[in-house]
Amino acid sequence: FRDHITIAAELVNAASAGDTNQVNSIWQRWADNANQIAELLGSINPNWSTEDWSAMMMEHIELLANNVTDLLEHNYQAAVEEFDDIEMQAMEMADMMAEGIALQFPD
């Protein structure tokens, strides 16, 4: 999980510098990391699937990347509107996590 945040910061720095090749390389590492997180979560609770978590994590990083792009391009209105989508998606992730925990530990 620490790598997830660190890679995101690297992506922002590369995007700020306008280094498209570096952005693409870091993006692949971030997607790989998101899938590793999905695999971990899918393996620790029988009520969670790796596929569901992978889809959720990919949506998560795509929303964040789009938001960063809009911020860097000074498209602030779009960035503000996208933040609502990021918040909603984070709540969906939290709901999926809570539901899985509740099913795993019903008592």
C-alpha atoms as a PDB file:
ATOM      1  CA  PHE A   1       0.000   0.000   0.000  1.00  0.00           C
ATOM      2  CA  ARG A   2       2.913   2.350   0.671  1.00  0.00           C
ATOM      3  CA  ASP A   3       4.143   1.710  -2.873  1.00  0.00           C
ATOM      4  CA  HIS A   4       0.710   2.664  -4.184  1.00  0.00           C
ATOM      5  CA  ILE A   5       1.068   6.172  -2.788  1.00  0.00           C
ATOM      6  CA  THR A   6       4.750   6.479  -3.685  1.00  0.00           C
ATOM      7  CA  ILE A   7       4.120   5.479  -7.293  1.00  0.00           C
ATOM      8  CA  ALA A   8       1.262   7.982  -7.498  1.00  0.00           C
ATOM      9  CA  ALA A   9       3.626  10.744  -6.368  1.00  0.00           C
ATOM     10  CA  GLU A  10       6.163   9.666  -9.005  1.00  0.00           C
ATOM     11  CA  LEU A  11       3.428   9.836 -11.633  1.00  0.00           C
ATOM     12  CA  VAL A  12       2.452  13.364 -10.594  1.00  0.00           C
ATOM     13  CA  ASN A  13       6.093  14.484 -10.729  1.00  0.00           C
ATOM     14  CA  ALA A  14       6.637  12.974 -14.180  1.00  0.00           C
ATOM     15  CA  ALA A  15       3.398  14.476 -15.465  1.00  0.00           C
ATOM     16  CA  SER A  16       4.360  17.868 -14.028  1.00  0.00           C
ATOM     17  CA  ALA A  17       7.670  17.637 -15.887  1.00  0.00           C
ATOM     18  CA  GLY A  18       5.855  16.704 -19.103  1.00  0.00           C
ATOM     19  CA  ASP A  19       7.824  13.465 -19.413  1.00  0.00           C
ATOM     20  CA  THR A  20       5.347  11.303 -21.344  1.00  0.00           C
ATOM     21  CA  ASN A  21       7.660   8.293 -21.578  1.00  0.00           C
ATOM     22  CA  GLN A  22       8.210   8.338 -17.824  1.00  0.00           C
ATOM     23  CA  VAL A  23       4.479   8.794 -17.206  1.00  0.00           C
ATOM     24  CA  ASN A  24       3.712   5.719 -19.321  1.00  0.00           C
ATOM     25  CA  SER A  25       6.336   3.659 -17.514  1.00  0.00           C
ATOM     26  CA  ILE A  26       5.155   4.758 -14.087  1.00  0.00           C
ATOM     27  CA  TRP A  27       1.519   4.202 -15.084  1.00  0.00           C
ATOM     28  CA  GLN A  28       2.301   0.561 -15.859  1.00  0.00           C
ATOM     29  CA  ARG A  29       3.979   0.157 -12.462  1.00  0.00           C
ATOM     30  CA  TRP A  30       0.959   1.770 -10.792  1.00  0.00           C
ATOM     31  CA  ALA A  31      -1.450  -0.550 -12.614  1.00  0.00           C
ATOM     32  CA  ASP A  32       0.699  -3.552 -11.682  1.00  0.00           C
ATOM     33  CA  ASN A  33       0.711  -2.394  -8.072  1.00  0.00           C
ATOM     34  CA  ALA A  34      -3.084  -1.948  -8.135  1.00  0.00           C
ATOM     35  CA  ASN A  35      -3.432  -5.514  -9.390  1.00  0.00           C
ATOM     36  CA  GLN A  36      -1.090  -6.765  -6.657  1.00  0.00           C
ATOM     37  CA  ILE A  37      -3.299  -5.059  -4.084  1.00  0.00           C
ATOM     38  CA  ALA A  38      -6.351  -6.663  -5.708  1.00  0.00           C
ATOM     39  CA  GLU A  39      -4.687 -10.084  -5.541  1.00  0.00           C
ATOM     40  CA  LEU A  40      -3.869  -9.571  -1.865  1.00  0.00           C
ATOM     41  CA  LEU A  41      -7.391  -8.501  -0.986  1.00  0.00           C
ATOM     42  CA  GLY A  42      -8.891 -11.305  -3.056  1.00  0.00           C
ATOM     43  CA  SER A  43      -6.782 -13.817  -1.161  1.00  0.00           C
ATOM     44  CA  ILE A  44      -7.519 -12.716   2.404  1.00  0.00           C
ATOM     45  CA  ASN A  45     -11.301 -12.790   2.402  1.00  0.00           C
ATOM     46  CA  PRO A  46     -13.412 -15.480   0.729  1.00  0.00           C
ATOM     47  CA  ASN A  47     -16.141 -12.896   0.077  1.00  0.00           C
ATOM     48  CA  TRP A  48     -13.871 -10.718  -2.045  1.00  0.00           C
ATOM     49  CA  SER A  49     -12.773 -11.574  -5.548  1.00  0.00           C
ATOM     50  CA  THR A  50      -9.517 -10.523  -7.126  1.00  0.00           C
ATOM     51  CA  GLU A  51     -11.430  -9.597 -10.277  1.00  0.00           C
ATOM     52  CA  ASP A  52     -13.786  -7.247  -8.422  1.00  0.00           C
ATOM     53  CA  TRP A  53     -10.929  -5.618  -6.552  1.00  0.00           C
ATOM     54  CA  SER A  54      -8.887  -5.307  -9.733  1.00  0.00           C
ATOM     55  CA  ALA A  55     -11.738  -3.505 -11.492  1.00  0.00           C
ATOM     56  CA  MET A  56     -12.226  -1.265  -8.462  1.00  0.00           C
ATOM     57  CA  MET A  57      -8.508  -0.453  -8.206  1.00  0.00           C
ATOM     58  CA  MET A  58      -8.196   0.306 -11.935  1.00  0.00           C
ATOM     59  CA  GLU A  59     -11.180   2.638 -11.764  1.00  0.00           C
ATOM     60  CA  HIS A  60      -9.547   4.261  -8.730  1.00  0.00           C
ATOM     61  CA  ILE A  61      -6.231   4.989 -10.434  1.00  0.00           C
ATOM     62  CA  GLU A  62      -7.893   6.126 -13.663  1.00  0.00           C
ATOM     63  CA  LEU A  63     -10.050   8.630 -11.775  1.00  0.00           C
ATOM     64  CA  LEU A  64      -7.039   9.936  -9.869  1.00  0.00           C
ATOM     65  CA  ALA A  65      -4.885  10.185 -13.000  1.00  0.00           C
ATOM     66  CA  ASN A  66      -7.611  12.096 -14.849  1.00  0.00           C
ATOM     67  CA  ASN A  67      -7.946  14.447 -11.903  1.00  0.00           C
ATOM     68  CA  VAL A  68      -4.205  15.099 -11.783  1.00  0.00           C
ATOM     69  CA  THR A  69      -4.160  15.759 -15.518  1.00  0.00           C
ATOM     70  CA  ASP A  70      -6.935  18.320 -15.202  1.00  0.00           C
ATOM     71  CA  LEU A  71      -5.184  20.010 -12.297  1.00  0.00           C
ATOM     72  CA  LEU A  72      -1.900  20.201 -14.199  1.00  0.00           C
ATOM     73  CA  GLU A  73      -3.711  21.600 -17.243  1.00  0.00           C
ATOM     74  CA  HIS A  74      -5.407  24.209 -15.012  1.00  0.00           C
ATOM     75  CA  ASN A  75      -8.813  22.769 -15.847  1.00  0.00           C
ATOM     76  CA  TYR A  76      -9.972  23.386 -12.309  1.00  0.00           C
ATOM     77  CA  GLN A  77     -13.715  23.145 -12.878  1.00  0.00           C
ATOM     78  CA  ALA A  78     -13.361  19.631 -14.302  1.00  0.00           C
ATOM     79  CA  ALA A  79     -11.003  18.678 -11.460  1.00  0.00           C
ATOM     80  CA  VAL A  80     -13.539  19.813  -8.868  1.00  0.00           C
ATOM     81  CA  GLU A  81     -16.337  17.906 -10.590  1.00  0.00           C
ATOM     82  CA  GLU A  82     -14.154  14.797 -10.859  1.00  0.00           C
ATOM     83  CA  PHE A  83     -13.422  14.939  -7.161  1.00  0.00           C
ATOM     84  CA  ASP A  84     -17.064  14.036  -6.543  1.00  0.00           C
ATOM     85  CA  ASP A  85     -16.569  10.916  -8.682  1.00  0.00           C
ATOM     86  CA  ILE A  86     -13.385  10.063  -6.767  1.00  0.00           C
ATOM     87  CA  GLU A  87     -15.203  10.411  -3.460  1.00  0.00           C
ATOM     88  CA  MET A  88     -18.125   8.269  -4.653  1.00  0.00           C
ATOM     89  CA  GLN A  89     -15.788   5.580  -5.927  1.00  0.00           C
ATOM     90  CA  ALA A  90     -13.852   5.593  -2.633  1.00  0.00           C
ATOM     91  CA  MET A  91     -17.134   5.081  -0.803  1.00  0.00           C
ATOM     92  CA  GLU A  92     -17.972   2.152  -3.115  1.00  0.00           C
ATOM     93  CA  MET A  93     -14.589   0.611  -2.277  1.00  0.00           C
ATOM     94  CA  ALA A  94     -15.277   1.106   1.428  1.00  0.00           C
ATOM     95  CA  ASP A  95     -18.717  -0.479   1.077  1.00  0.00           C
ATOM     96  CA  MET A  96     -17.280  -3.481  -0.752  1.00  0.00           C
ATOM     97  CA  MET A  97     -14.644  -3.889   1.926  1.00  0.00           C
ATOM     98  CA  ALA A  98     -17.128  -3.529   4.806  1.00  0.00           C
ATOM     99  CA  GLU A  99     -19.580  -5.963   3.237  1.00  0.00           C
ATOM    100  CA  GLY A 100     -16.855  -8.577   2.798  1.00  0.00           C
ATOM    101  CA  ILE A 101     -15.690  -8.176   6.395  1.00  0.00           C
ATOM    102  CA  ALA A 102     -19.258  -8.382   7.722  1.00  0.00           C
ATOM    103  CA  LEU A 103     -19.852 -11.584   5.760  1.00  0.00           C
ATOM    104  CA  GLN A 104     -16.549 -13.089   6.891  1.00  0.00           C
ATOM    105  CA  PHE A 105     -17.201 -12.287  10.561  1.00  0.00           C
ATOM    106  CA  PRO A 106     -20.990 -12.354  11.015  1.00  0.00           C
ATOM    107  CA  ASP A 107     -20.840 -12.611  14.800  1.00  0.00           C
END
